[in-house]
Amino acid sequence: MRSSVCLEQGDPRPWTEHVNDQSIVVGWAGYDAKTHYLPPEHFLAHALREALTESCRGGRLQGQGPDGKLLVRMREEGENWIVEHVLVTLQHLSHVELFDVCKSLSLVLGCTAST
């Protein structure tokens, strides 16, 4: 078996100069079928991404995007997982008020927006 992930050595700045707002989160499997055997934060990020994608294609956020970022932070308390933070950035149409985009995002994601 051979892996070519992260075998690049040296200064990463030349090949990350234009993608410094991107990230990759690597997790592990081993949970249960409720989370498709993904860590809960990965499962939630995938579920939220699907909701955002569908909404941008034909729902409350239709026409917004395509660029966006989604960050989910959770913590474990015994058997429970607590959502601590969800951060969404979404490219939006210039004629749409930012407040309206935020309101739509909170409705699509099923949460309340903080100010």
PDB file of N, CA and C in Angstrom:
ATOM      1  N   MET A   1       0.846  -1.175   0.000  1.00  0.00           N
ATOM      2  CA  MET A   1       0.000   0.000   0.000  1.00  0.00           C
ATOM      3  C   MET A   1       0.893   1.241   0.000  1.00  0.00           C
ATOM      4  N   ARG A   2       0.475   2.255  -0.737  1.00  0.00           N
ATOM      5  CA  ARG A   2       1.261   3.482  -0.841  1.00  0.00           C
ATOM      6  C   ARG A   2       0.356   4.687  -0.608  1.00  0.00           C
ATOM      7  N   SER A   3       0.836   5.661   0.126  1.00  0.00           N
ATOM      8  CA  SER A   3       0.091   6.877   0.375  1.00  0.00           C
ATOM      9  C   SER A   3       0.886   8.058  -0.150  1.00  0.00           C
ATOM     10  N   SER A   4       0.214   8.969  -0.825  1.00  0.00           N
ATOM     11  CA  SER A   4       0.894  10.161  -1.307  1.00  0.00           C
ATOM     12  C   SER A   4       0.336  11.421  -0.648  1.00  0.00           C
ATOM     13  N   VAL A   5      -0.398  11.250   0.431  1.00  0.00           N
ATOM     14  CA  VAL A   5      -0.962  12.388   1.139  1.00  0.00           C
ATOM     15  C   VAL A   5       0.114  13.010   2.019  1.00  0.00           C
ATOM     16  N   CYS A   6       0.298  14.297   1.894  1.00  0.00           N
ATOM     17  CA  CYS A   6       1.214  15.071   2.741  1.00  0.00           C
ATOM     18  C   CYS A   6       2.664  14.611   2.652  1.00  0.00           C
ATOM     19  N   LEU A   7       3.083  14.171   1.504  1.00  0.00           N
ATOM     20  CA  LEU A   7       4.475  13.781   1.354  1.00  0.00           C
ATOM     21  C   LEU A   7       5.334  14.929   0.853  1.00  0.00           C
ATOM     22  N   GLU A   8       4.724  16.048   0.530  1.00  0.00           N
ATOM     23  CA  GLU A   8       5.454  17.227   0.079  1.00  0.00           C
ATOM     24  C   GLU A   8       6.255  17.787   1.246  1.00  0.00           C
ATOM     25  N   GLN A   9       7.505  18.004   1.040  1.00  0.00           N
ATOM     26  CA  GLN A   9       8.349  18.564   2.089  1.00  0.00           C
ATOM     27  C   GLN A   9       8.830  19.938   1.670  1.00  0.00           C
ATOM     28  N   GLY A  10       9.226  20.714   2.640  1.00  0.00           N
ATOM     29  CA  GLY A  10       9.730  22.048   2.345  1.00  0.00           C
ATOM     30  C   GLY A  10       8.721  23.112   2.720  1.00  0.00           C
ATOM     31  N   ASP A  11       8.998  24.316   2.291  1.00  0.00           N
ATOM     32  CA  ASP A  11       8.163  25.463   2.603  1.00  0.00           C
ATOM     33  C   ASP A  11       6.845  25.369   1.839  1.00  0.00           C
ATOM     34  N   PRO A  12       5.679  25.333   2.516  1.00  0.00           N
ATOM     35  CA  PRO A  12       4.403  25.184   1.821  1.00  0.00           C
ATOM     36  C   PRO A  12       3.883  26.474   1.192  1.00  0.00           C
ATOM     37  N   ARG A  13       4.486  27.620   1.516  1.00  0.00           N
ATOM     38  CA  ARG A  13       3.945  28.895   1.029  1.00  0.00           C
ATOM     39  C   ARG A  13       3.837  28.994  -0.489  1.00  0.00           C
ATOM     40  N   PRO A  14       4.801  28.507  -1.278  1.00  0.00           N
ATOM     41  CA  PRO A  14       4.646  28.651  -2.729  1.00  0.00           C
ATOM     42  C   PRO A  14       3.413  27.943  -3.298  1.00  0.00           C
ATOM     43  N   TRP A  15       3.021  26.824  -2.736  1.00  0.00           N
ATOM     44  CA  TRP A  15       1.872  26.111  -3.290  1.00  0.00           C
ATOM     45  C   TRP A  15       0.590  26.357  -2.522  1.00  0.00           C
ATOM     46  N   THR A  16       0.609  27.216  -1.498  1.00  0.00           N
ATOM     47  CA  THR A  16      -0.616  27.566  -0.781  1.00  0.00           C
ATOM     48  C   THR A  16      -0.932  29.058  -0.874  1.00  0.00           C
ATOM     49  N   GLU A  17      -0.175  29.776  -1.659  1.00  0.00           N
ATOM     50  CA  GLU A  17      -0.315  31.230  -1.724  1.00  0.00           C
ATOM     51  C   GLU A  17      -1.747  31.679  -2.026  1.00  0.00           C
ATOM     52  N   HIS A  18      -2.445  30.968  -2.903  1.00  0.00           N
ATOM     53  CA  HIS A  18      -3.781  31.413  -3.318  1.00  0.00           C
ATOM     54  C   HIS A  18      -4.898  30.584  -2.721  1.00  0.00           C
ATOM     55  N   VAL A  19      -4.604  29.697  -1.818  1.00  0.00           N
ATOM     56  CA  VAL A  19      -5.653  28.870  -1.230  1.00  0.00           C
ATOM     57  C   VAL A  19      -5.597  28.879   0.291  1.00  0.00           C
ATOM     58  N   ASN A  20      -5.123  29.957   0.879  1.00  0.00           N
ATOM     59  CA  ASN A  20      -4.959  29.980   2.321  1.00  0.00           C
ATOM     60  C   ASN A  20      -6.284  30.070   3.079  1.00  0.00           C
ATOM     61  N   ASP A  21      -7.415  30.229   2.396  1.00  0.00           N
ATOM     62  CA  ASP A  21      -8.696  30.211   3.089  1.00  0.00           C
ATOM     63  C   ASP A  21      -9.364  28.842   2.996  1.00  0.00           C
ATOM     64  N   GLN A  22      -8.666  27.860   2.469  1.00  0.00           N
ATOM     65  CA  GLN A  22      -9.198  26.515   2.323  1.00  0.00           C
ATOM     66  C   GLN A  22      -8.661  25.646   3.455  1.00  0.00           C
ATOM     67  N   SER A  23      -9.394  24.599   3.772  1.00  0.00           N
ATOM     68  CA  SER A  23      -8.885  23.661   4.763  1.00  0.00           C
ATOM     69  C   SER A  23      -9.443  22.276   4.487  1.00  0.00           C
ATOM     70  N   ILE A  24      -8.741  21.312   4.992  1.00  0.00           N
ATOM     71  CA  ILE A  24      -9.179  19.929   4.910  1.00  0.00           C
ATOM     72  C   ILE A  24      -9.127  19.377   6.324  1.00  0.00           C
ATOM     73  N   VAL A  25     -10.210  18.760   6.738  1.00  0.00           N
ATOM     74  CA  VAL A  25     -10.258  18.155   8.053  1.00  0.00           C
ATOM     75  C   VAL A  25     -10.263  16.654   7.850  1.00  0.00           C
ATOM     76  N   VAL A  26      -9.324  15.980   8.473  1.00  0.00           N
ATOM     77  CA  VAL A  26      -9.237  14.536   8.345  1.00  0.00           C
ATOM     78  C   VAL A  26      -9.673  13.932   9.667  1.00  0.00           C
ATOM     79  N   GLY A  27     -10.663  13.067   9.600  1.00  0.00           N
ATOM     80  CA  GLY A  27     -11.160  12.433  10.810  1.00  0.00           C
ATOM     81  C   GLY A  27     -10.956  10.944  10.743  1.00  0.00           C
ATOM     82  N   TRP A  28     -11.760  10.235  11.457  1.00  0.00           N
ATOM     83  CA  TRP A  28     -11.639   8.790  11.507  1.00  0.00           C
ATOM     84  C   TRP A  28     -13.030   8.192  11.601  1.00  0.00           C
ATOM     85  N   ALA A  29     -13.157   6.958  11.192  1.00  0.00           N
ATOM     86  CA  ALA A  29     -14.425   6.244  11.303  1.00  0.00           C
ATOM     87  C   ALA A  29     -14.443   5.492  12.620  1.00  0.00           C
ATOM     88  N   GLY A  30     -15.582   4.967  12.967  1.00  0.00           N
ATOM     89  CA  GLY A  30     -15.659   4.182  14.178  1.00  0.00           C
ATOM     90  C   GLY A  30     -16.859   4.533  15.031  1.00  0.00           C
ATOM     91  N   TYR A  31     -17.684   5.420  14.571  1.00  0.00           N
ATOM     92  CA  TYR A  31     -18.888   5.742  15.313  1.00  0.00           C
ATOM     93  C   TYR A  31     -19.970   4.761  14.898  1.00  0.00           C
ATOM     94  N   ASP A  32     -21.217   5.158  14.842  1.00  0.00           N
ATOM     95  CA  ASP A  32     -22.263   4.199  14.495  1.00  0.00           C
ATOM     96  C   ASP A  32     -23.012   4.630  13.244  1.00  0.00           C
ATOM     97  N   ALA A  33     -24.011   3.838  12.875  1.00  0.00           N
ATOM     98  CA  ALA A  33     -24.750   4.083  11.635  1.00  0.00           C
ATOM     99  C   ALA A  33     -25.500   5.413  11.656  1.00  0.00           C
ATOM    100  N   LYS A  34     -25.850   5.938  12.834  1.00  0.00           N
ATOM    101  CA  LYS A  34     -26.566   7.217  12.910  1.00  0.00           C
ATOM    102  C   LYS A  34     -25.763   8.346  12.276  1.00  0.00           C
ATOM    103  N   THR A  35     -24.449   8.248  12.331  1.00  0.00           N
ATOM    104  CA  THR A  35     -23.585   9.273  11.741  1.00  0.00           C
ATOM    105  C   THR A  35     -22.832   8.731  10.528  1.00  0.00           C
ATOM    106  N   HIS A  36     -23.345   7.668   9.956  1.00  0.00           N
ATOM    107  CA  HIS A  36     -22.700   7.024   8.802  1.00  0.00           C
ATOM    108  C   HIS A  36     -21.242   6.676   9.113  1.00  0.00           C
ATOM    109  N   TYR A  37     -20.981   6.335  10.366  1.00  0.00           N
ATOM    110  CA  TYR A  37     -19.655   5.927  10.852  1.00  0.00           C
ATOM    111  C   TYR A  37     -18.617   7.036  10.766  1.00  0.00           C
ATOM    112  N   LEU A  38     -19.091   8.273  10.708  1.00  0.00           N
ATOM    113  CA  LEU A  38     -18.211   9.442  10.726  1.00  0.00           C
ATOM    114  C   LEU A  38     -18.238  10.065  12.109  1.00  0.00           C
ATOM    115  N   PRO A  39     -17.194  10.800  12.470  1.00  0.00           N
ATOM    116  CA  PRO A  39     -17.284  11.588  13.699  1.00  0.00           C
ATOM    117  C   PRO A  39     -18.490  12.532  13.591  1.00  0.00           C
ATOM    118  N   PRO A  40     -19.193  12.775  14.685  1.00  0.00           N
ATOM    119  CA  PRO A  40     -20.409  13.596  14.628  1.00  0.00           C
ATOM    120  C   PRO A  40     -20.231  14.951  13.970  1.00  0.00           C
ATOM    121  N   GLU A  41     -19.093  15.620  14.210  1.00  0.00           N
ATOM    122  CA  GLU A  41     -18.895  16.932  13.599  1.00  0.00           C
ATOM    123  C   GLU A  41     -18.769  16.838  12.076  1.00  0.00           C
ATOM    124  N   HIS A  42     -18.201  15.754  11.578  1.00  0.00           N
ATOM    125  CA  HIS A  42     -18.107  15.565  10.128  1.00  0.00           C
ATOM    126  C   HIS A  42     -19.491  15.283   9.551  1.00  0.00           C
ATOM    127  N   PHE A  43     -20.242  14.436  10.230  1.00  0.00           N
ATOM    128  CA  PHE A  43     -21.591  14.117   9.777  1.00  0.00           C
ATOM    129  C   PHE A  43     -22.443  15.383   9.724  1.00  0.00           C
ATOM    130  N   LEU A  44     -22.374  16.211  10.773  1.00  0.00           N
ATOM    131  CA  LEU A  44     -23.155  17.440  10.804  1.00  0.00           C
ATOM    132  C   LEU A  44     -22.719  18.398   9.698  1.00  0.00           C
ATOM    133  N   ALA A  45     -21.421  18.522   9.479  1.00  0.00           N
ATOM    134  CA  ALA A  45     -20.937  19.404   8.413  1.00  0.00           C
ATOM    135  C   ALA A  45     -21.457  18.939   7.052  1.00  0.00           C
ATOM    136  N   HIS A  46     -21.453  17.640   6.806  1.00  0.00           N
ATOM    137  CA  HIS A  46     -21.980  17.115   5.539  1.00  0.00           C
ATOM    138  C   HIS A  46     -23.474  17.396   5.420  1.00  0.00           C
ATOM    139  N   ALA A  47     -24.228  17.183   6.498  1.00  0.00           N
ATOM    140  CA  ALA A  47     -25.674  17.412   6.465  1.00  0.00           C
ATOM    141  C   ALA A  47     -25.987  18.887   6.222  1.00  0.00           C
ATOM    142  N   LEU A  48     -25.265  19.780   6.882  1.00  0.00           N
ATOM    143  CA  LEU A  48     -25.481  21.212   6.680  1.00  0.00           C
ATOM    144  C   LEU A  48     -25.099  21.634   5.265  1.00  0.00           C
ATOM    145  N   ARG A  49     -24.007  21.068   4.749  1.00  0.00           N
ATOM    146  CA  ARG A  49     -23.593  21.380   3.380  1.00  0.00           C
ATOM    147  C   ARG A  49     -24.668  20.962   2.384  1.00  0.00           C
ATOM    148  N   GLU A  50     -25.244  19.792   2.587  1.00  0.00           N
ATOM    149  CA  GLU A  50     -26.318  19.331   1.699  1.00  0.00           C
ATOM    150  C   GLU A  50     -27.513  20.280   1.747  1.00  0.00           C
ATOM    151  N   ALA A  51     -27.885  20.713   2.948  1.00  0.00           N
ATOM    152  CA  ALA A  51     -29.004  21.640   3.091  1.00  0.00           C
ATOM    153  C   ALA A  51     -28.712  22.963   2.384  1.00  0.00           C
ATOM    154  N   LEU A  52     -27.496  23.473   2.545  1.00  0.00           N
ATOM    155  CA  LEU A  52     -27.114  24.725   1.878  1.00  0.00           C
ATOM    156  C   LEU A  52     -27.102  24.569   0.364  1.00  0.00           C
ATOM    157  N   THR A  53     -26.554  23.467  -0.118  1.00  0.00           N
ATOM    158  CA  THR A  53     -26.486  23.221  -1.561  1.00  0.00           C
ATOM    159  C   THR A  53     -27.878  23.163  -2.167  1.00  0.00           C
ATOM    160  N   GLU A  54     -28.769  22.403  -1.546  1.00  0.00           N
ATOM    161  CA  GLU A  54     -30.137  22.294  -2.056  1.00  0.00           C
ATOM    162  C   GLU A  54     -30.852  23.641  -2.029  1.00  0.00           C
ATOM    163  N   SER A  55     -30.645  24.409  -0.973  1.00  0.00           N
ATOM    164  CA  SER A  55     -31.293  25.705  -0.864  1.00  0.00           C
ATOM    165  C   SER A  55     -30.762  26.683  -1.916  1.00  0.00           C
ATOM    166  N   CYS A  56     -29.463  26.629  -2.196  1.00  0.00           N
ATOM    167  CA  CYS A  56     -28.892  27.504  -3.224  1.00  0.00           C
ATOM    168  C   CYS A  56     -29.357  27.105  -4.614  1.00  0.00           C
ATOM    169  N   ARG A  57     -29.653  25.842  -4.806  1.00  0.00           N
ATOM    170  CA  ARG A  57     -30.117  25.368  -6.124  1.00  0.00           C
ATOM    171  C   ARG A  57     -31.581  25.681  -6.380  1.00  0.00           C
ATOM    172  N   GLY A  58     -32.405  25.686  -5.341  1.00  0.00           N
ATOM    173  CA  GLY A  58     -33.820  25.895  -5.610  1.00  0.00           C
ATOM    174  C   GLY A  58     -34.663  26.224  -4.402  1.00  0.00           C
ATOM    175  N   GLY A  59     -34.056  26.684  -3.327  1.00  0.00           N
ATOM    176  CA  GLY A  59     -34.809  27.004  -2.118  1.00  0.00           C
ATOM    177  C   GLY A  59     -34.686  28.462  -1.746  1.00  0.00           C
ATOM    178  N   ARG A  60     -34.707  28.729  -0.457  1.00  0.00           N
ATOM    179  CA  ARG A  60     -34.642  30.098   0.070  1.00  0.00           C
ATOM    180  C   ARG A  60     -33.409  30.866  -0.398  1.00  0.00           C
ATOM    181  N   LEU A  61     -32.317  30.155  -0.658  1.00  0.00           N
ATOM    182  CA  LEU A  61     -31.064  30.814  -1.045  1.00  0.00           C
ATOM    183  C   LEU A  61     -30.784  30.684  -2.540  1.00  0.00           C
ATOM    184  N   GLN A  62     -31.817  30.437  -3.318  1.00  0.00           N
ATOM    185  CA  GLN A  62     -31.623  30.212  -4.753  1.00  0.00           C
ATOM    186  C   GLN A  62     -30.855  31.363  -5.393  1.00  0.00           C
ATOM    187  N   GLY A  63     -29.822  30.998  -6.159  1.00  0.00           N
ATOM    188  CA  GLY A  63     -29.009  31.973  -6.860  1.00  0.00           C
ATOM    189  C   GLY A  63     -27.787  32.435  -6.090  1.00  0.00           C
ATOM    190  N   GLN A  64     -27.740  32.149  -4.795  1.00  0.00           N
ATOM    191  CA  GLN A  64     -26.576  32.546  -3.995  1.00  0.00           C
ATOM    192  C   GLN A  64     -25.455  31.536  -4.247  1.00  0.00           C
ATOM    193  N   GLY A  65     -24.251  31.897  -3.893  1.00  0.00           N
ATOM    194  CA  GLY A  65     -23.113  30.999  -4.090  1.00  0.00           C
ATOM    195  C   GLY A  65     -22.442  31.293  -5.412  1.00  0.00           C
ATOM    196  N   PRO A  66     -21.574  30.460  -5.897  1.00  0.00           N
ATOM    197  CA  PRO A  66     -21.301  29.102  -5.434  1.00  0.00           C
ATOM    198  C   PRO A  66     -20.242  29.032  -4.334  1.00  0.00           C
ATOM    199  N   ASP A  67     -19.485  30.099  -4.106  1.00  0.00           N
ATOM    200  CA  ASP A  67     -18.410  30.008  -3.130  1.00  0.00           C
ATOM    201  C   ASP A  67     -18.970  30.119  -1.724  1.00  0.00           C
ATOM    202  N   GLY A  68     -18.436  29.316  -0.843  1.00  0.00           N
ATOM    203  CA  GLY A  68     -18.857  29.368   0.548  1.00  0.00           C
ATOM    204  C   GLY A  68     -17.955  28.510   1.401  1.00  0.00           C
ATOM    205  N   LYS A  69     -18.043  28.716   2.693  1.00  0.00           N
ATOM    206  CA  LYS A  69     -17.275  27.930   3.658  1.00  0.00           C
ATOM    207  C   LYS A  69     -18.225  27.530   4.781  1.00  0.00           C
ATOM    208  N   LEU A  70     -17.933  26.396   5.390  1.00  0.00           N
ATOM    209  CA  LEU A  70     -18.744  25.913   6.494  1.00  0.00           C
ATOM    210  C   LEU A  70     -17.810  25.332   7.541  1.00  0.00           C
ATOM    211  N   LEU A  71     -17.933  25.794   8.766  1.00  0.00           N
ATOM    212  CA  LEU A  71     -17.115  25.305   9.865  1.00  0.00           C
ATOM    213  C   LEU A  71     -18.047  24.885  10.992  1.00  0.00           C
ATOM    214  N   VAL A  72     -17.830  23.685  11.516  1.00  0.00           N
ATOM    215  CA  VAL A  72     -18.633  23.171  12.615  1.00  0.00           C
ATOM    216  C   VAL A  72     -17.694  22.812  13.759  1.00  0.00           C
ATOM    217  N   ARG A  73     -18.024  23.301  14.959  1.00  0.00           N
ATOM    218  CA  ARG A  73     -17.242  22.929  16.139  1.00  0.00           C
ATOM    219  C   ARG A  73     -18.201  22.332  17.164  1.00  0.00           C
ATOM    220  N   MET A  74     -17.853  21.146  17.634  1.00  0.00           N
ATOM    221  CA  MET A  74     -18.679  20.451  18.626  1.00  0.00           C
ATOM    222  C   MET A  74     -17.789  19.997  19.774  1.00  0.00           C
ATOM    223  N   ARG A  75     -18.435  19.704  20.899  1.00  0.00           N
ATOM    224  CA  ARG A  75     -17.703  19.111  22.016  1.00  0.00           C
ATOM    225  C   ARG A  75     -18.514  17.940  22.554  1.00  0.00           C
ATOM    226  N   GLU A  76     -17.789  17.024  23.131  1.00  0.00           N
ATOM    227  CA  GLU A  76     -18.405  15.813  23.652  1.00  0.00           C
ATOM    228  C   GLU A  76     -18.600  15.961  25.157  1.00  0.00           C
ATOM    229  N   GLU A  77     -19.804  15.650  25.606  1.00  0.00           N
ATOM    230  CA  GLU A  77     -20.114  15.629  27.038  1.00  0.00           C
ATOM    231  C   GLU A  77     -20.738  14.286  27.350  1.00  0.00           C
ATOM    232  N   GLY A  78     -19.924  13.367  27.796  1.00  0.00           N
ATOM    233  CA  GLY A  78     -20.420  12.012  28.053  1.00  0.00           C
ATOM    234  C   GLY A  78     -20.871  11.365  26.764  1.00  0.00           C
ATOM    235  N   GLU A  79     -22.145  11.010  26.713  1.00  0.00           N
ATOM    236  CA  GLU A  79     -22.723  10.394  25.512  1.00  0.00           C
ATOM    237  C   GLU A  79     -23.257  11.432  24.525  1.00  0.00           C
ATOM    238  N   ASN A  80     -23.236  12.694  24.894  1.00  0.00           N
ATOM    239  CA  ASN A  80     -23.840  13.746  24.072  1.00  0.00           C
ATOM    240  C   ASN A  80     -22.790  14.564  23.342  1.00  0.00           C
ATOM    241  N   TRP A  81     -23.187  15.061  22.190  1.00  0.00           N
ATOM    242  CA  TRP A  81     -22.370  15.994  21.419  1.00  0.00           C
ATOM    243  C   TRP A  81     -23.096  17.329  21.404  1.00  0.00           C
ATOM    244  N   ILE A  82     -22.406  18.380  21.769  1.00  0.00           N
ATOM    245  CA  ILE A  82     -22.967  19.720  21.854  1.00  0.00           C
ATOM    246  C   ILE A  82     -22.390  20.571  20.724  1.00  0.00           C
ATOM    247  N   VAL A  83     -23.265  21.192  19.941  1.00  0.00           N
ATOM    248  CA  VAL A  83     -22.810  22.105  18.888  1.00  0.00           C
ATOM    249  C   VAL A  83     -22.406  23.406  19.565  1.00  0.00           C
ATOM    250  N   GLU A  84     -21.144  23.763  19.423  1.00  0.00           N
ATOM    251  CA  GLU A  84     -20.646  25.001  20.012  1.00  0.00           C
ATOM    252  C   GLU A  84     -20.669  26.160  19.037  1.00  0.00           C
ATOM    253  N   HIS A  85     -20.397  25.864  17.765  1.00  0.00           N
ATOM    254  CA  HIS A  85     -20.218  26.953  16.815  1.00  0.00           C
ATOM    255  C   HIS A  85     -20.461  26.440  15.391  1.00  0.00           C
ATOM    256  N   VAL A  86     -21.233  27.175  14.640  1.00  0.00           N
ATOM    257  CA  VAL A  86     -21.387  26.921  13.210  1.00  0.00           C
ATOM    258  C   VAL A  86     -21.106  28.244  12.508  1.00  0.00           C
ATOM    259  N   LEU A  87     -20.150  28.228  11.604  1.00  0.00           N
ATOM    260  CA  LEU A  87     -19.793  29.427  10.850  1.00  0.00           C
ATOM    261  C   LEU A  87     -20.038  29.154   9.374  1.00  0.00           C
ATOM    262  N   VAL A  88     -20.804  30.020   8.741  1.00  0.00           N
ATOM    263  CA  VAL A  88     -21.095  29.877   7.315  1.00  0.00           C
ATOM    264  C   VAL A  88     -20.733  31.172   6.613  1.00  0.00           C
ATOM    265  N   THR A  89     -19.970  31.062   5.549  1.00  0.00           N
ATOM    266  CA  THR A  89     -19.790  32.194   4.649  1.00  0.00           C
ATOM    267  C   THR A  89     -20.357  31.766   3.314  1.00  0.00           C
ATOM    268  N   LEU A  90     -21.002  32.681   2.646  1.00  0.00           N
ATOM    269  CA  LEU A  90     -21.655  32.346   1.385  1.00  0.00           C
ATOM    270  C   LEU A  90     -21.587  33.545   0.452  1.00  0.00           C
ATOM    271  N   GLN A  91     -21.082  33.319  -0.732  1.00  0.00           N
ATOM    272  CA  GLN A  91     -21.083  34.365  -1.751  1.00  0.00           C
ATOM    273  C   GLN A  91     -22.541  34.664  -2.056  1.00  0.00           C
ATOM    274  N   HIS A  92     -22.901  35.939  -2.017  1.00  0.00           N
ATOM    275  CA  HIS A  92     -24.304  36.266  -2.286  1.00  0.00           C
ATOM    276  C   HIS A  92     -24.421  37.341  -3.359  1.00  0.00           C
ATOM    277  N   LEU A  93     -25.590  37.386  -3.944  1.00  0.00           N
ATOM    278  CA  LEU A  93     -25.866  38.344  -5.013  1.00  0.00           C
ATOM    279  C   LEU A  93     -25.822  39.763  -4.458  1.00  0.00           C
ATOM    280  N   SER A  94     -25.274  40.680  -5.233  1.00  0.00           N
ATOM    281  CA  SER A  94     -25.060  42.045  -4.744  1.00  0.00           C
ATOM    282  C   SER A  94     -26.369  42.789  -4.464  1.00  0.00           C
ATOM    283  N   HIS A  95     -27.454  42.426  -5.134  1.00  0.00           N
ATOM    284  CA  HIS A  95     -28.720  43.136  -4.916  1.00  0.00           C
ATOM    285  C   HIS A  95     -29.529  42.578  -3.743  1.00  0.00           C
ATOM    286  N   VAL A  96     -29.031  41.526  -3.101  1.00  0.00           N
ATOM    287  CA  VAL A  96     -29.723  40.931  -1.959  1.00  0.00           C
ATOM    288  C   VAL A  96     -29.121  41.485  -0.677  1.00  0.00           C
ATOM    289  N   GLU A  97     -29.989  41.951   0.219  1.00  0.00           N
ATOM    290  CA  GLU A  97     -29.535  42.500   1.494  1.00  0.00           C
ATOM    291  C   GLU A  97     -28.880  41.414   2.342  1.00  0.00           C
ATOM    292  N   LEU A  98     -27.773  41.755   2.985  1.00  0.00           N
ATOM    293  CA  LEU A  98     -27.048  40.808   3.816  1.00  0.00           C
ATOM    294  C   LEU A  98     -27.939  40.246   4.922  1.00  0.00           C
ATOM    295  N   PHE A  99     -28.760  41.094   5.538  1.00  0.00           N
ATOM    296  CA  PHE A  99     -29.650  40.623   6.597  1.00  0.00           C
ATOM    297  C   PHE A  99     -30.589  39.540   6.073  1.00  0.00           C
ATOM    298  N   ASP A 100     -31.086  39.696   4.860  1.00  0.00           N
ATOM    299  CA  ASP A 100     -31.981  38.695   4.274  1.00  0.00           C
ATOM    300  C   ASP A 100     -31.260  37.374   4.035  1.00  0.00           C
ATOM    301  N   VAL A 101     -30.001  37.448   3.608  1.00  0.00           N
ATOM    302  CA  VAL A 101     -29.206  36.228   3.418  1.00  0.00           C
ATOM    303  C   VAL A 101     -29.004  35.536   4.771  1.00  0.00           C
ATOM    304  N   CYS A 102     -28.659  36.317   5.799  1.00  0.00           N
ATOM    305  CA  CYS A 102     -28.454  35.745   7.136  1.00  0.00           C
ATOM    306  C   CYS A 102     -29.730  35.093   7.659  1.00  0.00           C
ATOM    307  N   LYS A 103     -30.853  35.737   7.479  1.00  0.00           N
ATOM    308  CA  LYS A 103     -32.137  35.185   7.923  1.00  0.00           C
ATOM    309  C   LYS A 103     -32.431  33.879   7.189  1.00  0.00           C
ATOM    310  N   SER A 104     -32.217  33.861   5.885  1.00  0.00           N
ATOM    311  CA  SER A 104     -32.442  32.647   5.111  1.00  0.00           C
ATOM    312  C   SER A 104     -31.507  31.528   5.533  1.00  0.00           C
ATOM    313  N   LEU A 105     -30.240  31.876   5.774  1.00  0.00           N
ATOM    314  CA  LEU A 105     -29.278  30.873   6.245  1.00  0.00           C
ATOM    315  C   LEU A 105     -29.739  30.248   7.552  1.00  0.00           C
ATOM    316  N   SER A 106     -30.161  31.076   8.493  1.00  0.00           N
ATOM    317  CA  SER A 106     -30.580  30.539   9.778  1.00  0.00           C
ATOM    318  C   SER A 106     -31.808  29.642   9.630  1.00  0.00           C
ATOM    319  N   LEU A 107     -32.716  29.977   8.731  1.00  0.00           N
ATOM    320  CA  LEU A 107     -33.886  29.132   8.509  1.00  0.00           C
ATOM    321  C   LEU A 107     -33.506  27.818   7.825  1.00  0.00           C
ATOM    322  N   VAL A 108     -32.626  27.888   6.857  1.00  0.00           N
ATOM    323  CA  VAL A 108     -32.193  26.677   6.152  1.00  0.00           C
ATOM    324  C   VAL A 108     -31.473  25.729   7.100  1.00  0.00           C
ATOM    325  N   LEU A 109     -30.632  26.286   7.976  1.00  0.00           N
ATOM    326  CA  LEU A 109     -29.847  25.466   8.888  1.00  0.00           C
ATOM    327  C   LEU A 109     -30.597  25.115  10.169  1.00  0.00           C
ATOM    328  N   GLY A 110     -31.760  25.721  10.370  1.00  0.00           N
ATOM    329  CA  GLY A 110     -32.549  25.397  11.548  1.00  0.00           C
ATOM    330  C   GLY A 110     -31.959  25.926  12.838  1.00  0.00           C
ATOM    331  N   CYS A 111     -31.384  27.127  12.784  1.00  0.00           N
ATOM    332  CA  CYS A 111     -30.792  27.704  13.991  1.00  0.00           C
ATOM    333  C   CYS A 111     -31.113  29.177  14.043  1.00  0.00           C
ATOM    334  N   THR A 112     -30.745  29.789  15.157  1.00  0.00           N
ATOM    335  CA  THR A 112     -30.924  31.230  15.274  1.00  0.00           C
ATOM    336  C   THR A 112     -29.601  31.904  14.974  1.00  0.00           C
ATOM    337  N   ALA A 113     -29.657  32.985  14.246  1.00  0.00           N
ATOM    338  CA  ALA A 113     -28.450  33.732  13.908  1.00  0.00           C
ATOM    339  C   ALA A 113     -28.079  34.637  15.048  1.00  0.00           C
ATOM    340  N   SER A 114     -26.787  34.691  15.382  1.00  0.00           N
ATOM    341  CA  SER A 114     -26.341  35.609  16.421  1.00  0.00           C
ATOM    342  C   SER A 114     -25.812  36.871  15.781  1.00  0.00           C
ATOM    343  N   THR A 115     -25.869  37.948  16.528  1.00  0.00           N
ATOM    344  CA  THR A 115     -25.376  39.225  16.000  1.00  0.00           C
ATOM    345  C   THR A 115     -24.079  39.601  16.636  1.00  0.00           C
TER     346      THR A 115
END
